Protein backbone atom coordinates (compact mmCIF):
# COMPACT_ATOMS: atom_id res chain seq x y z
CA MET A 1 -91.34 41.72 -3.34
CA GLY A 2 -88.40 43.58 -2.18
CA LYS A 3 -89.45 42.69 1.35
CA PHE A 4 -89.20 39.50 0.43
CA PHE A 5 -85.82 38.88 -0.96
CA THR A 6 -84.80 40.83 1.99
CA LEU A 7 -86.06 38.66 4.57
CA LEU A 8 -84.57 35.13 2.26
CA LYS A 9 -81.43 37.07 2.06
CA ALA A 10 -81.62 37.34 6.17
CA SER A 11 -82.45 34.19 6.32
CA LEU A 12 -80.03 32.65 4.36
CA THR A 13 -77.29 34.32 6.39
CA GLU A 14 -78.10 32.73 9.35
CA GLY A 15 -78.11 29.35 7.90
CA MET A 16 -74.48 29.76 6.21
CA SER A 17 -72.52 28.94 9.34
CA LEU A 18 -70.89 25.97 7.66
CA PHE A 19 -68.68 28.88 5.96
CA LYS A 20 -67.33 30.66 8.65
CA VAL A 21 -64.90 29.34 11.13
CA ARG A 22 -63.66 30.72 14.28
CA THR A 23 -60.48 31.81 15.28
CA ARG A 24 -58.64 30.94 18.24
CA LYS A 25 -57.05 34.45 19.22
CA THR A 26 -59.87 36.61 18.77
CA GLY A 27 -62.86 34.82 18.80
CA LYS A 28 -63.98 36.42 15.59
CA GLU A 29 -65.63 34.83 12.44
CA LYS A 30 -63.70 34.20 9.57
CA SER A 31 -64.25 32.62 5.97
CA GLY A 32 -64.05 29.07 6.33
CA ALA A 33 -65.29 28.50 2.35
CA GLY A 34 -62.26 27.24 1.37
CA LEU A 35 -62.74 24.02 3.82
CA VAL A 36 -66.35 23.55 2.08
CA VAL A 37 -65.06 24.22 -1.24
CA GLY A 38 -62.04 21.46 -1.35
CA LEU A 39 -64.81 18.66 0.74
CA SER A 40 -67.18 19.60 -1.70
CA ALA A 41 -65.02 18.92 -4.72
CA LEU A 42 -63.73 15.70 -2.83
CA ILE A 43 -67.39 14.38 -2.96
CA ALA A 44 -67.76 15.24 -6.61
CA PHE A 45 -64.66 13.64 -7.90
CA SER A 46 -66.01 10.55 -6.30
CA VAL A 47 -69.34 10.82 -7.26
CA GLY A 48 -67.45 11.63 -10.83
CA PHE A 49 -65.40 8.70 -10.74
CA TYR A 50 -68.47 6.13 -9.58
CA VAL A 51 -70.24 6.93 -12.43
CA LEU A 52 -67.32 6.81 -14.79
CA GLY A 53 -67.64 3.19 -13.95
CA ILE A 54 -71.05 2.58 -14.14
CA LEU A 55 -70.75 4.20 -17.95
CA GLU A 56 -67.71 1.97 -18.64
CA GLY A 57 -70.39 -1.33 -18.12
CA LEU A 58 -72.47 0.48 -20.13
CA ASN A 59 -70.77 1.09 -23.18
CA GLY A 60 -72.11 -0.16 -26.16
CA THR A 61 -75.22 -1.41 -25.16
CA GLY A 62 -77.09 1.65 -26.12
CA ARG A 63 -78.96 2.24 -22.43
CA GLU A 64 -76.58 4.55 -21.43
CA SER A 65 -79.41 6.97 -20.49
CA SER A 66 -81.08 4.55 -17.82
CA LEU A 67 -77.96 6.44 -15.35
CA LEU A 68 -79.63 9.55 -15.65
CA ALA A 69 -83.41 8.23 -14.72
CA VAL A 70 -81.57 6.02 -11.47
CA PHE A 71 -79.51 9.21 -10.18
CA VAL A 72 -82.34 11.78 -10.18
CA LEU A 73 -84.38 8.78 -8.48
CA ALA A 74 -81.57 8.24 -6.07
CA ALA A 75 -81.30 11.97 -5.21
CA THR A 76 -84.99 11.96 -4.77
CA LEU A 77 -84.83 9.63 -2.32
CA LEU A 78 -82.23 11.08 -0.30
CA THR A 79 -84.36 14.59 -0.42
CA VAL A 80 -87.62 13.01 0.97
CA ILE A 81 -85.72 11.03 3.66
CA GLU A 82 -84.36 14.13 4.90
CA GLY A 83 -86.86 15.84 4.16
CA ILE A 84 -89.49 14.50 6.30
CA TYR A 85 -88.26 14.93 9.06
CA LYS A 86 -86.20 18.02 8.48
CA SER A 87 -89.48 20.08 7.29
CA GLU A 88 -90.90 19.53 10.94
CA SER A 89 -88.34 22.17 11.75
CA LEU A 90 -87.77 24.64 8.99
CA LEU A 91 -91.33 24.74 9.13
CA PHE A 92 -93.00 24.38 12.40
CA ASN A 93 -92.26 26.63 16.02
CA CYS A 94 -89.58 28.28 14.56
CA LYS A 95 -87.06 30.92 16.82
CA ASP A 96 -88.12 34.18 14.30
CA ASP A 97 -92.16 32.65 14.20
CA ASP A 98 -93.18 36.02 16.80
CA LEU A 99 -90.61 38.23 14.33
CA LEU A 100 -91.77 37.44 10.93
CA LEU A 101 -95.43 37.51 11.94
CA SER A 102 -95.63 41.00 13.10
CA LEU A 103 -93.82 42.29 9.75
CA PRO A 104 -95.89 43.53 7.28
CA ILE A 105 -96.07 40.41 4.61
CA SER A 106 -98.93 38.44 4.31
CA ARG A 107 -98.92 34.65 5.95
CA ARG A 108 -98.56 32.74 2.38
CA GLU A 109 -95.35 34.64 2.08
CA ILE A 110 -93.78 33.50 5.38
CA ILE A 111 -94.39 29.68 3.58
CA TRP A 112 -93.12 30.94 0.29
CA LEU A 113 -90.02 31.99 2.53
CA ARG A 114 -89.31 29.06 4.26
CA LEU A 115 -90.23 26.42 1.50
CA LEU A 116 -87.40 28.63 -0.66
CA LYS A 117 -84.74 28.23 1.93
CA PHE A 118 -85.18 24.78 2.16
CA TYR A 119 -85.10 24.10 -1.99
CA LEU A 120 -81.94 26.24 -1.61
CA PHE A 121 -80.09 23.95 0.95
CA GLU A 122 -81.17 20.71 -0.75
CA LEU A 123 -80.63 22.40 -4.47
CA ALA A 124 -76.98 22.85 -3.07
CA TYR A 125 -76.42 19.13 -1.67
CA ASN A 126 -78.21 17.80 -4.67
CA SER A 127 -75.94 19.49 -7.28
CA LEU A 128 -72.76 17.27 -5.25
CA PHE A 129 -74.27 14.55 -7.06
CA LEU A 130 -76.11 15.01 -9.95
CA ALA A 131 -73.97 17.91 -11.36
CA PRO A 132 -70.84 15.38 -11.62
CA MET A 133 -72.72 12.91 -13.11
CA MET A 134 -74.27 14.75 -15.81
CA VAL A 135 -70.83 16.18 -16.93
CA VAL A 136 -68.96 12.72 -17.13
CA TYR A 137 -71.85 11.20 -19.01
CA ALA A 138 -71.64 14.31 -21.37
CA ILE A 139 -68.20 13.41 -22.00
CA ARG A 140 -68.42 9.71 -21.55
CA VAL A 141 -71.85 9.59 -24.31
CA PRO A 142 -72.27 11.64 -27.56
CA VAL A 143 -74.92 14.40 -26.14
CA GLU A 144 -76.46 17.00 -28.46
CA PRO A 145 -76.28 20.31 -27.63
CA THR A 146 -79.80 20.34 -26.18
CA PHE A 147 -78.72 17.95 -23.41
CA TYR A 148 -76.92 20.52 -21.28
CA LEU A 149 -80.03 23.08 -21.33
CA VAL A 150 -82.35 19.60 -20.22
CA SER A 151 -79.54 19.14 -17.71
CA PHE A 152 -79.70 22.18 -15.97
CA VAL A 153 -83.88 22.54 -16.41
CA THR A 154 -83.76 19.37 -14.80
CA LEU A 155 -80.75 20.16 -11.73
CA VAL A 156 -82.43 23.24 -11.05
CA LEU A 157 -86.10 21.72 -11.09
CA MET A 158 -85.46 18.11 -9.04
CA PRO A 159 -85.70 19.15 -5.62
CA ILE A 160 -89.44 20.51 -5.99
CA ILE A 161 -91.31 17.86 -6.01
CA PRO A 162 -89.65 15.66 -3.20
CA ILE A 163 -89.30 18.88 -1.17
CA LEU A 164 -92.95 19.78 -1.70
CA PHE A 165 -94.00 15.77 -0.60
CA SER A 166 -91.88 15.25 2.54
CA CYS A 167 -93.41 19.09 3.57
CA LEU A 168 -96.72 17.77 3.09
CA VAL A 169 -96.38 14.58 4.65
CA GLY A 170 -94.67 16.40 7.57
CA THR A 171 -97.16 19.19 7.91
CA ALA A 172 -99.63 15.76 8.19
CA ILE A 173 -97.23 14.19 10.90
CA ALA A 174 -97.54 17.47 12.95
CA CYS A 175 -101.22 18.03 12.27
CA PHE A 176 -101.96 14.45 13.61
CA SER A 177 -99.04 14.54 16.30
CA ALA A 178 -100.05 18.08 18.24
CA ARG A 179 -103.25 16.23 19.22
CA PHE A 180 -101.27 14.17 21.24
CA LYS A 181 -99.45 15.46 24.61
CA LYS A 182 -96.52 13.66 23.72
CA ASN A 183 -96.26 14.84 20.51
CA ASN A 184 -92.66 14.23 20.00
CA PHE A 185 -92.64 10.90 20.36
CA VAL A 186 -95.68 10.46 18.01
CA LYS A 187 -93.76 12.56 15.43
CA VAL A 188 -90.74 10.50 15.98
CA LEU A 189 -93.02 7.41 14.93
CA LEU A 190 -94.47 8.30 12.29
CA SER A 191 -91.51 9.95 10.69
CA PHE A 192 -89.66 6.67 11.12
CA LEU A 193 -92.42 4.74 9.77
CA MET A 194 -92.83 7.01 6.62
CA ILE A 195 -89.24 6.79 6.27
CA MET A 196 -89.27 2.76 6.15
CA LEU A 197 -92.22 2.57 4.54
CA ILE A 198 -90.09 4.81 1.26
CA MET A 199 -87.24 2.70 1.50
CA ALA A 200 -89.00 -0.67 1.46
CA ALA A 201 -90.83 0.82 -1.66
CA SER A 202 -87.69 1.67 -3.41
CA PHE A 203 -85.95 -1.61 -2.30
CA GLY A 204 -88.83 -3.59 -3.90
CA LEU A 205 -87.18 -3.33 -7.27
CA SER A 206 -86.22 -6.82 -7.72
CA PHE A 207 -83.73 -6.17 -10.57
CA MET A 208 -81.20 -9.30 -9.42
CA SER A 209 -82.80 -12.12 -11.47
CA HIS A 210 -79.54 -13.70 -12.68
CA THR A 211 -76.03 -14.11 -11.96
CA HIS A 212 -73.72 -11.09 -13.02
CA GLU A 213 -70.25 -10.03 -12.73
CA GLY A 214 -67.56 -7.22 -13.04
CA LEU A 215 -68.32 -3.59 -14.55
CA GLU A 216 -70.77 -5.07 -17.02
CA ALA A 217 -72.77 -6.51 -14.49
CA LEU A 218 -73.31 -3.46 -12.77
CA GLY A 219 -73.74 -1.73 -15.65
CA ASN A 220 -76.59 -3.90 -16.89
CA ILE A 221 -78.23 -3.96 -13.31
CA TYR A 222 -78.23 0.07 -13.40
CA ALA A 223 -79.68 -0.39 -16.97
CA GLU A 224 -82.80 -2.43 -15.47
CA VAL A 225 -83.32 0.04 -12.35
CA GLY A 226 -83.64 3.52 -14.68
CA GLU A 227 -85.79 1.72 -17.16
CA ARG A 228 -88.22 0.57 -14.34
CA VAL A 229 -87.34 4.08 -12.40
CA ALA A 230 -88.44 6.12 -15.60
CA GLN A 231 -91.88 4.31 -15.54
CA PHE A 232 -93.17 5.23 -12.35
CA TYR A 233 -91.33 8.33 -11.66
CA TYR A 234 -92.12 11.52 -13.86
CA PRO A 235 -88.92 13.23 -13.71
CA ALA A 236 -87.13 10.59 -13.93
CA GLY A 237 -88.30 9.54 -16.78
CA ALA A 238 -89.18 13.36 -18.15
CA TYR A 239 -84.77 13.89 -17.76
CA MET A 240 -84.06 10.28 -19.43
CA LYS A 241 -86.16 10.69 -22.72
CA LEU A 242 -85.69 14.80 -23.29
CA ALA A 243 -81.84 13.77 -22.87
CA THR A 244 -81.92 11.73 -25.49
CA ASP A 245 -84.81 12.82 -27.63
CA PHE A 246 -85.40 16.46 -27.36
CA LYS A 247 -88.90 18.33 -27.57
CA ILE A 248 -89.35 21.40 -26.73
CA GLY A 249 -93.26 20.75 -26.00
CA GLU A 250 -92.78 18.00 -23.44
CA LEU A 251 -89.81 20.36 -21.64
CA LEU A 252 -92.31 22.96 -21.10
CA VAL A 253 -94.85 20.80 -19.90
CA PHE A 254 -91.82 19.36 -17.51
CA VAL A 255 -91.33 23.29 -15.96
CA LEU A 256 -94.92 24.05 -15.78
CA ILE A 257 -95.96 20.47 -14.00
CA ASN A 258 -93.20 21.32 -11.09
CA ILE A 259 -95.08 25.29 -10.96
CA VAL A 260 -98.38 24.22 -10.66
CA VAL A 261 -97.57 21.33 -8.04
CA THR A 262 -95.63 24.15 -6.30
CA VAL A 263 -98.33 26.29 -6.32
CA LEU A 264 -100.82 23.82 -5.15
CA VAL A 265 -98.77 22.76 -2.45
CA VAL A 266 -97.86 26.32 -0.85
CA ILE A 267 -101.82 26.76 -1.06
CA LEU A 268 -102.81 23.36 0.24
CA ILE A 269 -100.08 23.85 3.31
CA SER A 270 -101.30 27.74 4.06
CA LEU A 271 -104.57 26.36 5.39
CA VAL A 272 -103.46 24.36 8.18
CA TYR A 273 -100.24 25.89 8.61
CA PHE A 274 -100.76 28.69 10.93
CA LYS A 275 -103.20 26.34 13.02
CA VAL A 276 -101.04 23.48 13.60
CA ASN A 277 -98.06 26.09 14.21
CA SER A 278 -100.18 27.48 17.18
CA ARG A 279 -101.01 24.34 18.68
CA LEU A 280 -97.77 22.97 18.70
CA LYS A 281 -96.53 26.24 20.09
CA ILE A 282 -99.32 25.62 23.13
CA SER A 283 -98.46 21.65 23.40
CA GLN A 284 -94.74 23.02 23.81
CA ASN A 285 -95.28 25.62 26.68
CA VAL A 286 -97.74 23.44 28.57
CA LYS A 287 -95.37 20.55 28.67
CA ARG A 288 -92.08 22.90 29.70
CA LYS A 289 -94.98 24.19 32.61
CA VAL A 290 -94.83 20.41 33.68
CA GLU A 291 -91.97 19.89 33.53
CA ALA A 292 -90.53 22.40 35.94
CA LYS A 293 -92.47 21.34 38.47
CA GLU A 294 -90.09 18.04 38.81
CA PHE A 295 -87.41 18.34 41.17
CA LYS A 296 -85.16 15.60 42.43
CA ALA A 297 -81.23 15.36 43.38
CA ARG A 298 -78.77 13.95 41.52
CA ARG A 299 -75.16 13.74 40.99
CA PRO A 300 -73.82 15.90 38.61
CA VAL A 301 -73.10 13.77 35.73
CA PHE A 302 -76.48 11.68 36.07
CA ALA A 303 -78.46 15.06 35.78
CA LEU A 304 -76.37 15.96 32.96
CA MET A 305 -77.02 13.05 31.03
CA ARG A 306 -80.67 13.21 31.76
CA LYS A 307 -80.39 16.78 30.58
CA GLU A 308 -78.82 15.77 27.41
CA LEU A 309 -80.88 12.79 27.17
CA ASN A 310 -84.47 15.48 27.43
CA ARG A 311 -82.84 17.64 24.42
CA PHE A 312 -82.41 14.57 22.23
CA PHE A 313 -85.54 13.23 22.44
CA GLY A 314 -87.66 16.64 22.50
CA SER A 315 -85.91 17.51 19.43
CA THR A 316 -87.69 15.51 16.50
CA VAL A 317 -85.16 16.17 13.91
CA PHE A 318 -82.47 15.11 16.36
CA VAL A 319 -84.04 12.08 17.24
CA THR A 320 -84.89 10.80 13.28
CA ASN A 321 -81.18 12.29 12.22
CA ALA A 322 -79.23 10.56 14.90
CA GLY A 323 -81.36 7.70 15.22
CA PHE A 324 -81.81 6.82 11.64
CA GLY A 325 -78.78 5.33 11.07
CA LEU A 326 -79.39 2.74 14.28
CA ILE A 327 -82.51 1.83 13.03
CA MET A 328 -80.99 0.67 9.74
CA PHE A 329 -78.08 -1.25 11.56
CA LEU A 330 -80.85 -3.33 12.85
CA VAL A 331 -82.81 -3.53 9.72
CA GLY A 332 -79.50 -4.54 7.91
CA ILE A 333 -79.04 -7.27 10.64
CA GLY A 334 -82.49 -8.36 10.35
CA ALA A 335 -82.10 -8.46 6.10
CA ILE A 336 -78.98 -10.29 6.74
CA CYS A 337 -80.03 -12.89 9.14
CA TRP A 338 -83.07 -13.76 6.83
CA LYS A 339 -82.14 -13.39 3.47
CA PHE A 340 -78.62 -14.19 3.39
CA ASN A 341 -78.90 -17.70 2.51
CA ASP A 342 -81.19 -16.79 -0.80
CA LEU A 343 -77.35 -14.70 -1.85
CA GLU A 344 -76.12 -18.37 -3.01
CA ARG A 345 -77.70 -17.64 -6.31
CA LEU A 346 -75.68 -15.18 -7.27
CA PHE A 347 -72.48 -17.38 -6.98
CA SER A 348 -71.64 -19.27 -10.22
CA GLU A 349 -68.92 -21.91 -9.91
CA ASP A 350 -66.30 -19.67 -11.77
CA SER A 351 -66.77 -16.88 -9.75
CA ALA A 352 -64.09 -15.55 -8.17
CA ILE A 353 -64.87 -15.78 -4.56
CA THR A 354 -66.84 -18.69 -3.19
CA PHE A 355 -70.38 -18.28 -0.75
CA ALA A 356 -68.90 -20.34 1.48
CA GLU A 357 -66.04 -17.87 1.90
CA VAL A 358 -68.55 -14.92 1.92
CA LYS A 359 -69.83 -16.84 4.55
CA ALA A 360 -66.92 -17.44 6.38
CA MET A 361 -66.53 -14.27 6.64
CA LEU A 362 -69.67 -12.94 7.84
CA PRO A 363 -68.07 -11.78 11.27
CA VAL A 364 -66.16 -9.39 9.75
CA GLY A 365 -68.85 -8.16 7.16
CA VAL A 366 -71.54 -7.52 10.54
CA TYR A 367 -68.29 -5.93 11.75
CA LEU A 368 -67.94 -3.26 8.99
CA TRP A 369 -72.05 -2.53 8.64
CA MET A 370 -71.48 -2.03 12.37
CA SER A 371 -68.50 0.67 11.93
CA PHE A 372 -70.35 2.41 8.84
CA MET A 373 -73.71 3.29 11.05
CA THR A 374 -71.88 3.92 14.14
CA LEU A 375 -69.45 5.83 12.33
CA MET A 376 -72.28 7.73 10.61
CA THR A 377 -73.65 8.72 13.86
CA PHE A 378 -72.52 11.19 15.34
CA ILE A 379 -75.07 12.99 18.40
CA THR A 380 -72.11 14.68 20.02
CA GLY A 381 -71.18 16.90 16.79
CA ALA A 382 -74.64 18.94 17.77
CA MET A 383 -74.78 18.67 21.64
CA ILE A 384 -73.27 22.17 22.14
CA SER A 385 -74.35 23.84 19.47
CA LEU A 386 -78.26 22.98 20.49
CA GLU A 387 -77.24 24.64 23.72
CA GLY A 388 -77.48 28.13 22.18
CA LYS A 389 -77.90 30.93 24.31
CA ARG A 390 -78.15 28.84 27.47
CA ILE A 391 -74.36 27.73 27.05
CA ASN A 392 -73.61 30.94 29.74
CA ILE A 393 -75.82 29.18 32.24
CA LEU A 394 -74.22 25.85 31.51
CA LYS A 395 -70.70 27.20 31.94
CA THR A 396 -71.99 29.23 35.61
CA LEU A 397 -72.63 25.66 36.88
CA PRO A 398 -70.35 24.06 39.62
CA VAL A 399 -68.92 21.01 37.76
CA ARG A 400 -65.97 20.94 35.68
CA ALA A 401 -65.83 21.63 32.06
CA THR A 402 -64.74 17.75 31.77
CA THR A 403 -67.77 16.21 33.75
CA ILE A 404 -70.48 18.45 31.55
CA LEU A 405 -68.44 16.98 28.09
CA LYS A 406 -68.24 13.95 29.78
CA ALA A 407 -72.08 13.42 30.52
CA LYS A 408 -72.86 14.69 27.02
CA VAL A 409 -70.68 11.61 25.39
CA PHE A 410 -72.10 8.94 27.86
CA ALA A 411 -75.33 10.24 27.43
CA ALA A 412 -74.75 9.35 23.19
CA LEU A 413 -73.75 6.13 23.66
CA THR A 414 -76.80 5.47 26.16
CA ILE A 415 -78.49 5.54 23.01
CA ILE A 416 -75.91 4.30 20.82
CA LEU A 417 -75.10 1.37 22.51
CA PRO A 418 -78.18 -0.90 23.59
CA PRO A 419 -79.62 -1.35 19.79
CA VAL A 420 -75.92 -2.00 18.32
CA LEU A 421 -75.40 -4.81 21.16
CA ILE A 422 -78.74 -6.55 20.69
CA GLY A 423 -77.60 -5.87 16.79
CA ASP A 424 -74.51 -7.78 17.37
CA LEU A 425 -76.27 -10.83 19.48
CA VAL A 426 -78.33 -11.37 16.97
CA ALA A 427 -76.01 -11.81 14.55
CA ALA A 428 -73.50 -13.93 16.41
CA ILE A 429 -76.25 -16.09 17.86
CA TRP A 430 -78.56 -16.57 14.40
CA PHE A 431 -75.06 -17.70 12.53
CA LYS A 432 -72.53 -19.36 15.50
CA PHE A 433 -70.14 -16.90 15.61
CA GLY A 434 -67.31 -17.90 17.44
CA ILE A 435 -66.66 -16.50 20.93
CA VAL A 436 -63.09 -14.75 20.13
CA GLU A 437 -65.31 -13.42 17.21
CA THR A 438 -67.87 -12.07 19.44
CA ALA A 439 -65.67 -10.80 21.50
CA LEU A 440 -64.12 -8.65 19.10
CA LEU A 441 -67.39 -7.62 17.67
CA LEU A 442 -68.56 -6.03 20.55
CA LEU A 443 -65.21 -4.81 21.75
CA GLY A 444 -65.02 -2.70 18.62
CA SER A 445 -68.97 -2.13 19.40
CA ILE A 446 -68.07 0.04 21.96
CA THR A 447 -64.53 1.42 20.97
CA ILE A 448 -65.86 2.76 17.39
CA PRO A 449 -69.03 4.67 18.61
CA SER A 450 -67.28 6.12 21.95
CA ALA A 451 -63.86 7.47 19.38
CA MET A 452 -66.57 9.11 17.25
CA GLN A 453 -68.72 10.69 19.88
CA ILE A 454 -65.65 12.38 21.42
CA TRP A 455 -64.65 13.46 18.18
CA GLY A 456 -67.84 14.73 17.65
CA ILE A 457 -67.42 16.76 21.21
CA LEU A 458 -64.00 17.85 20.03
CA VAL A 459 -65.31 19.40 16.74
CA ASP A 460 -68.53 20.89 18.16
CA LEU A 461 -66.24 22.40 20.48
CA LYS A 462 -63.87 24.03 18.57
CA ASN A 463 -66.88 25.85 16.05
CA PRO A 464 -69.89 25.84 18.15
CA MET A 465 -73.41 27.31 16.05
CA LEU A 466 -74.96 29.23 19.15
CA ASP A 467 -77.14 31.26 16.75
CA ALA A 468 -78.94 28.58 15.32
CA GLU A 469 -82.72 29.86 13.70
CA ASN A 470 -83.98 26.11 14.04
CA ASP A 471 -82.83 22.28 15.13
CA ALA A 472 -82.49 21.28 11.33
CA GLU A 473 -79.37 23.92 10.70
CA VAL A 474 -77.55 22.82 13.51
CA VAL A 475 -78.09 18.92 13.50
CA LYS A 476 -77.97 19.18 9.10
CA GLN A 477 -76.68 22.36 7.91
CA SER A 478 -74.05 23.08 10.12
CA ARG A 479 -70.39 23.08 8.71
CA ASN A 480 -69.39 20.28 12.06
CA THR A 481 -71.87 18.17 10.58
CA LEU A 482 -69.88 18.65 6.80
CA VAL A 483 -66.68 17.57 8.59
CA LEU A 484 -68.19 15.22 10.70
CA THR A 485 -69.29 13.81 7.48
CA VAL A 486 -66.39 13.67 5.35
CA SER A 487 -64.56 12.27 8.64
CA ALA A 488 -66.56 9.65 9.02
CA PHE A 489 -66.83 8.48 5.73
CA ALA A 490 -62.98 8.43 5.85
CA MET A 491 -62.60 6.24 8.77
CA VAL A 492 -65.07 3.85 7.02
CA GLY A 493 -62.91 3.81 3.77
CA VAL A 494 -60.00 3.49 5.84
CA THR A 495 -61.66 0.72 7.50
CA MET A 496 -63.03 -1.27 4.42
CA GLY A 497 -59.49 -1.10 2.70
CA ILE A 498 -57.87 -2.62 5.63
CA ALA A 499 -60.78 -5.11 6.02
CA GLY A 500 -60.19 -5.84 2.22
CA VAL A 501 -56.65 -5.93 2.02
CA MET A 502 -55.99 -8.26 4.49
CA PHE A 503 -59.14 -10.49 3.36
CA LEU A 504 -56.95 -10.54 -0.34
CA PHE A 505 -53.77 -11.50 1.40
CA LYS A 506 -55.86 -14.41 3.06
CA MET A 507 -55.45 -13.79 6.60
CA SER A 508 -57.65 -15.10 9.28
CA LYS A 509 -61.31 -12.96 10.24
CA ILE A 510 -59.63 -12.75 13.83
CA LEU A 511 -56.81 -11.18 13.17
CA ILE A 512 -58.81 -8.68 10.56
CA LEU A 513 -61.44 -8.30 13.39
CA GLY A 514 -58.53 -8.02 15.78
CA SER A 515 -56.28 -5.24 13.97
CA ILE A 516 -59.07 -2.82 13.05
CA THR A 517 -60.09 -2.77 16.68
CA GLY A 518 -56.89 -2.15 17.72
CA ILE A 519 -56.91 1.07 15.45
CA PHE A 520 -59.75 1.92 17.04
CA VAL A 521 -58.75 1.37 20.39
CA VAL A 522 -55.35 3.36 19.56
CA LEU A 523 -57.69 6.34 18.32
CA LEU A 524 -60.06 6.20 21.08
CA PHE A 525 -57.08 7.04 23.53
CA ILE A 526 -55.96 9.94 21.82
CA LEU A 527 -58.95 11.53 21.56
CA VAL A 528 -59.31 11.08 25.10
CA LEU A 529 -55.95 12.55 25.86
CA ARG A 530 -57.03 15.65 23.54
CA LEU A 531 -59.79 16.19 25.18
CA ARG A 532 -58.85 16.15 28.47
CA LYS A 533 -56.25 18.48 27.44
CA LYS A 534 -58.16 20.91 25.46
CA ALA A 535 -61.96 20.30 27.27
CA GLY A 536 -61.46 23.23 29.92
CA GLU A 537 -59.81 25.91 27.17
CA TRP A 538 -62.10 25.37 24.38
CA PHE A 539 -65.36 25.26 26.59
CA GLY A 540 -64.34 28.32 29.01
CA ARG A 541 -63.77 30.25 25.23
CA ILE A 542 -67.44 29.61 23.74
CA SER A 543 -69.86 32.81 24.24
CA GLY A 544 -73.52 32.97 23.69
């Protein structure tokens, strides 16, 4: 057991790069925990403020506990969606496989090690959303002392079932895809299909059957959804019931079910894990040998772009993480085109805003949806870190640092722009946007992702993570990802705030679109100048 916890500590230490920052002068690492704690506090405060508003709408209805079930379901869905594509990198084909398999530990312990590391990271992320909700609920709603015990147990146990489910799905996808030569393509395709099925099932909850207004409306919606969730999802229902009617027997059953499910899933995965893992390694090695024979002269920037595209599409976790926002953008555009007119029934005669006014501002709505999804797609934020030890080889190439970084940005835009521009044109044609509105929408769709990808390169240049155990640590668990996520939310908030204020002052949609686009054009210009000025210095300082 001592060996197991020693390995767990070493494994977690490798994954804690988000708590470290590299100093400019010495290149040594020092603690960056202050920034992480500050950003975490900001997220927790935002969640708590949001929960406070929902409870205001539920005040006096006697249905406040339904909020607990809704948040458990939301955290579960986030964990499952993340876990399906993250499990492939955390479970299979890891860099430390050879080391672990050579140590005097059982193979089942290796699976426990990987799952426990997965669990601890998800527990930390889920706590940012669940813990503030529990605290605000306890402050605003009269609770028994047992509520704190039940909430703590739920917080600890909540990630288990979604993690195990996503690991089972990830194992099934890996097992199936390992039989194909193009296993990465099959894994990405199956992962996206599974995620879309889960999202379709979750959105299948029909709760808006009549018109509501204000906080009371939102509270009623949460109550209806929470009560339905409690009926079909056991952990959410158990927490909701135990929080209001505590029984020690039901709490013990809740704990026991999680333990039994965990043991059964570990046994099940261990039956196929090493066979699938070996098959994936063989497939990857064969693919590398085949690719090594292909050789064709190209201009430096295009050759580097091809390398970046191959690296992107060769990593399932990279594709699914970065591509999820693009898929959601297209799904959102499709839903707007298909169901927009059905929203008219939600507006009554005494509504503050009429349906006609909303329809007239639809170009702004599409623009905001585009900006949200493209700002949350930061591919370049991981491109330098994913070079790993190969960064030293890249630095020896007879090309300028700006060329290398330019290729990374262009490769990212090659991935992002086609689906975004296609979605823009579909919406513009479907709803008959004006020429100026369409032009501003397309210009924004080029400017905003360009600014975000250059910002991602700058962040990754400042604090690269070159010693990650797997792609998931770089793409999902690094300090850079946290910084980019928070900055993206900040830019989304500014964009929506500007649009909201200008809408309240009854400014035209063309002026709104032009103002937001103009701000991002200026931001893009500043970032380009910053990259040209600092690229060589920061890139030269990186060492693998």
